[in-house]
Structure formats: structure tokens, C-alpha cells
C-alpha atoms as a PDB file:
ATOM      1  CA  MET A   1      15.820   8.123  -2.186  1.00  0.00           C
ATOM      2  CA  PHE A   2      14.177  10.218  -4.868  1.00  0.00           C
ATOM      3  CA  GLU A   3      11.949  13.226  -4.408  1.00  0.00           C
ATOM      4  CA  LEU A   4       8.658  12.908  -6.289  1.00  0.00           C
ATOM      5  CA  VAL A   5       7.552  15.689  -8.613  1.00  0.00           C
ATOM      6  CA  TRP A   6       3.931  15.491  -9.743  1.00  0.00           C
ATOM      7  CA  ARG A   7       2.618  16.630 -13.137  1.00  0.00           C
ATOM      8  CA  PRO A   8      -0.837  18.286 -12.950  1.00  0.00           C
ATOM      9  CA  ALA A   9      -2.724  15.332 -14.482  1.00  0.00           C
ATOM     10  CA  ALA A  10      -1.108  12.889 -12.058  1.00  0.00           C
ATOM     11  CA  THR A  11      -1.836  15.173  -9.105  1.00  0.00           C
ATOM     12  CA  GLU A  12      -5.467  15.476 -10.163  1.00  0.00           C
ATOM     13  CA  THR A  13      -5.900  11.701 -10.474  1.00  0.00           C
ATOM     14  CA  TYR A  14      -4.129  11.069  -7.163  1.00  0.00           C
ATOM     15  CA  ASN A  15      -6.309  13.631  -5.364  1.00  0.00           C
ATOM     16  CA  GLU A  16      -9.507  12.228  -6.907  1.00  0.00           C
ATOM     17  CA  LEU A  17      -8.586   8.706  -5.805  1.00  0.00           C
ATOM     18  CA  ARG A  18      -7.665   9.972  -2.320  1.00  0.00           C
ATOM     19  CA  ASP A  19     -10.926  11.898  -1.953  1.00  0.00           C
ATOM     20  CA  LYS A  20     -13.040   8.955  -3.146  1.00  0.00           C
ATOM     21  CA  ALA A  21     -11.232   6.659  -0.699  1.00  0.00           C
ATOM     22  CA  ALA A  22     -11.760   9.119   2.179  1.00  0.00           C
ATOM     23  CA  THR A  23     -15.472   9.424   1.380  1.00  0.00           C
ATOM     24  CA  SER A  24     -15.784   5.669   1.133  1.00  0.00           C
ATOM     25  CA  LEU A  25     -14.039   5.239   4.488  1.00  0.00           C
ATOM     26  CA  GLN A  26     -16.367   7.760   6.146  1.00  0.00           C
ATOM     27  CA  ASN A  27     -19.463   6.074   4.720  1.00  0.00           C
ATOM     28  CA  ARG A  28     -18.206   2.620   5.648  1.00  0.00           C
ATOM     29  CA  THR A  29     -17.356   3.724   9.182  1.00  0.00           C
ATOM     30  CA  ALA A  30     -20.745   5.404   9.613  1.00  0.00           C
ATOM     31  CA  LYS A  31     -22.449   2.160   8.598  1.00  0.00           C
ATOM     32  CA  GLY A  32     -20.266   0.135  10.946  1.00  0.00           C
ATOM     33  CA  LYS A  33     -18.756  -1.949   8.164  1.00  0.00           C
ATOM     34  CA  GLY A  34     -15.221  -3.226   8.595  1.00  0.00           C
ATOM     35  CA  LYS A  35     -14.060  -4.400   5.177  1.00  0.00           C
ATOM     36  CA  SER A  36     -12.303  -1.861   2.947  1.00  0.00           C
ATOM     37  CA  THR A  37     -13.899  -1.011  -0.387  1.00  0.00           C
ATOM     38  CA  LYS A  38     -12.270  -1.356  -3.804  1.00  0.00           C
ATOM     39  CA  VAL A  39     -11.868   2.423  -3.970  1.00  0.00           C
ATOM     40  CA  GLU A  40      -9.985   2.440  -0.669  1.00  0.00           C
ATOM     41  CA  GLY A  41      -7.827  -0.460  -1.802  1.00  0.00           C
ATOM     42  CA  LEU A  42      -6.982   1.225  -5.111  1.00  0.00           C
ATOM     43  CA  PHE A  43      -5.828   4.413  -3.395  1.00  0.00           C
ATOM     44  CA  LYS A  44      -3.738   2.393  -0.957  1.00  0.00           C
ATOM     45  CA  GLN A  45      -2.089   0.613  -3.902  1.00  0.00           C
ATOM     46  CA  VAL A  46      -1.390   3.872  -5.766  1.00  0.00           C
ATOM     47  CA  HIS A  47       0.069   5.439  -2.629  1.00  0.00           C
ATOM     48  CA  LYS A  48       2.257   2.393  -1.976  1.00  0.00           C
ATOM     49  CA  THR A  49       3.496   2.363  -5.577  1.00  0.00           C
ATOM     50  CA  ALA A  50       4.529   6.021  -5.342  1.00  0.00           C
ATOM     51  CA  ALA A  51       6.308   5.343  -2.041  1.00  0.00           C
ATOM     52  CA  LEU A  52       8.184   2.344  -3.463  1.00  0.00           C
ATOM     53  CA  LEU A  53       9.118   4.366  -6.536  1.00  0.00           C
ATOM     54  CA  SER A  54      10.661   7.118  -4.425  1.00  0.00           C
ATOM     55  CA  GLU A  55      12.684   4.528  -2.482  1.00  0.00           C
ATOM     56  CA  ASN A  56      13.788   2.343  -5.379  1.00  0.00           C
ATOM     57  CA  PRO A  57      12.500   2.730  -8.952  1.00  0.00           C
ATOM     58  CA  LYS A  58      13.824  -0.753  -9.723  1.00  0.00           C
ATOM     59  CA  HIS A  59      11.904  -2.452  -6.906  1.00  0.00           C
ATOM     60  CA  PRO A  60      10.791  -5.878  -8.223  1.00  0.00           C
ATOM     61  CA  SER A  61       7.121  -5.460  -7.312  1.00  0.00           C
ATOM     62  CA  LEU A  62       6.851  -2.367  -9.532  1.00  0.00           C
ATOM     63  CA  SER A  63       7.660  -4.356 -12.687  1.00  0.00           C
ATOM     64  CA  THR A  64       9.075  -1.132 -14.089  1.00  0.00           C
ATOM     65  CA  HIS A  65       9.713  -1.046 -17.805  1.00  0.00           C
ATOM     66  CA  GLU A  66      10.077   1.485 -20.578  1.00  0.00           C
ATOM     67  CA  TYR A  67       6.884   2.862 -22.121  1.00  0.00           C
ATOM     68  CA  ASP A  68       6.939   4.444 -25.571  1.00  0.00           C
ATOM     69  CA  SER A  69       3.448   5.936 -25.954  1.00  0.00           C
ATOM     70  CA  ILE A  70       3.974   8.868 -23.578  1.00  0.00           C
ATOM     71  CA  GLU A  71       6.534  11.560 -24.289  1.00  0.00           C
ATOM     72  CA  ASN A  72       8.925  12.673 -21.586  1.00  0.00           C
ATOM     73  CA  PRO A  73       7.771  16.155 -20.445  1.00  0.00           C
ATOM     74  CA  TYR A  74      11.336  17.454 -20.085  1.00  0.00           C
ATOM     75  CA  ASP A  75      13.263  15.921 -22.973  1.00  0.00           C
ATOM     76  CA  ALA A  76      11.670  13.989 -25.842  1.00  0.00           C
ATOM     77  CA  LYS A  77      14.872  11.946 -26.171  1.00  0.00           C
ATOM     78  CA  GLN A  78      14.603  10.628 -22.593  1.00  0.00           C
ATOM     79  CA  LYS A  79      12.529   7.634 -21.512  1.00  0.00           C
ATOM     80  CA  VAL A  80       9.201   7.362 -19.721  1.00  0.00           C
ATOM     81  CA  PHE A  81       8.620   4.270 -17.585  1.00  0.00           C
ATOM     82  CA  GLU A  82       5.570   2.330 -16.504  1.00  0.00           C
ATOM     83  CA  ALA A  83       5.217   0.897 -12.994  1.00  0.00           C
ATOM     84  CA  TYR A  84       2.487  -1.546 -12.023  1.00  0.00           C
ATOM     85  CA  VAL A  85       0.017  -0.393  -9.387  1.00  0.00           C
ATOM     86  CA  GLN A  86      -2.077  -3.522  -9.913  1.00  0.00           C
ATOM     87  CA  ASN A  87      -1.527  -6.752 -11.771  1.00  0.00           C
ATOM     88  CA  LYS A  88      -3.857  -9.471 -13.071  1.00  0.00           C
ATOM     89  CA  THR A  89      -6.831  -7.149 -12.612  1.00  0.00           C
ATOM     90  CA  PRO A  90      -9.147  -5.923 -15.374  1.00  0.00           C
ATOM     91  CA  ARG A  91      -8.123  -2.344 -16.260  1.00  0.00           C
ATOM     92  CA  ALA A  92      -5.244  -2.593 -13.809  1.00  0.00           C
ATOM     93  CA  TYR A  93      -3.815   0.773 -12.834  1.00  0.00           C
ATOM     94  CA  ARG A  94      -0.375   1.916 -13.957  1.00  0.00           C
ATOM     95  CA  LEU A  95       1.819   4.785 -12.854  1.00  0.00           C
ATOM     96  CA  PHE A  96       3.898   6.481 -15.564  1.00  0.00           C
ATOM     97  CA  TRP A  97       7.066   8.303 -14.566  1.00  0.00           C
ATOM     98  CA  CYS A  98      10.404   9.653 -15.711  1.00  0.00           C
ATOM     99  CA  TYR A  99      13.631  10.795 -14.135  1.00  0.00           C
ATOM    100  CA  GLY A 100      14.070  14.502 -13.550  1.00  0.00           C
ATOM    101  CA  PRO A 101      13.895  17.359 -13.969  1.00  0.00           C
ATOM    102  CA  ASP A 102      16.742  17.485 -11.446  1.00  0.00           C
ATOM    103  CA  PRO A 103      19.035  14.734 -10.185  1.00  0.00           C
ATOM    104  CA  LYS A 104      17.447  12.586  -7.481  1.00  0.00           C
ATOM    105  CA  GLU A 105      13.957  13.546  -8.689  1.00  0.00           C
ATOM    106  CA  ILE A 106      11.307  11.367 -10.283  1.00  0.00           C
ATOM    107  CA  THR A 107       8.341  12.938 -12.030  1.00  0.00           C
ATOM    108  CA  ILE A 108       4.991  11.172 -11.880  1.00  0.00           C
ATOM    109  CA  VAL A 109       3.564  11.843 -15.328  1.00  0.00           C
ATOM    110  CA  ALA A 110       0.219  10.026 -15.119  1.00  0.00           C
ATOM    111  CA  ILE A 111      -1.808   7.476 -13.169  1.00  0.00           C
ATOM    112  CA  THR A 112      -4.219   5.571 -15.397  1.00  0.00           C
ATOM    113  CA  PRO A 113      -5.989   2.272 -15.813  1.00  0.00           C
ATOM    114  CA  HIS A 114      -4.297   0.018 -18.346  1.00  0.00           C
ATOM    115  CA  PRO A 115      -6.103   0.127 -21.697  1.00  0.00           C
END
């Protein structure tokens, strides 16, 4: 297993998604509605992706591959990878990550919708 290290931008996005999902859940519960909202579903997907990444960065459902448009925050010569949070969805979310800074650590660089 890998320990996750979060860059500030990734932490901010994760917390925003978490807070929106929590608010949505409270509102939905207060109204007596049972079906989860898209916001709740998105946070669940982001959380699951991060969990899978910490267990196995090569997990098939992550569709992990190298991504060239973001520079590695620790070493410009090292790679940054993209993992799928969603697939076949307009503006599907992606999680960008790299190995390090220490062995057995993965840094979450960013969480963004696909352009």
C-alpha cells in the first residue's frame, strides 16, 4: 500500500467536493428523498479512486497512464500520471498523481474535470 500525500490544489478540490456532497446529503435527507445526487456520486467516485490508487496504482479500473501536460512537483524528469475518476461522461473527472516524494508515497497533484 501507498500513503497518499496531497498537494494544496488537490486538497482544496477534494474538500470542496466533500463539502458539497455533505450539504447535498443533508438537504436530500431533510426533504426525505432517497436517491443520491450527482454531487454525492462524484465525491464517492473521487474518494474511491484515491482509495484504489493507494492500494494499487495499476488497478485496471483506474486506466492509469502517463500525462505530459503537468510537471512533476518534485522532479521535472519524473512522470505524472492520470487516473480516471469517471469515464464516458461529459467533462469526466481525472485524478493526476506522481510517485513520491518518499518511497511508498503517492502524491495527488490535482483533481479536475477532463478538458
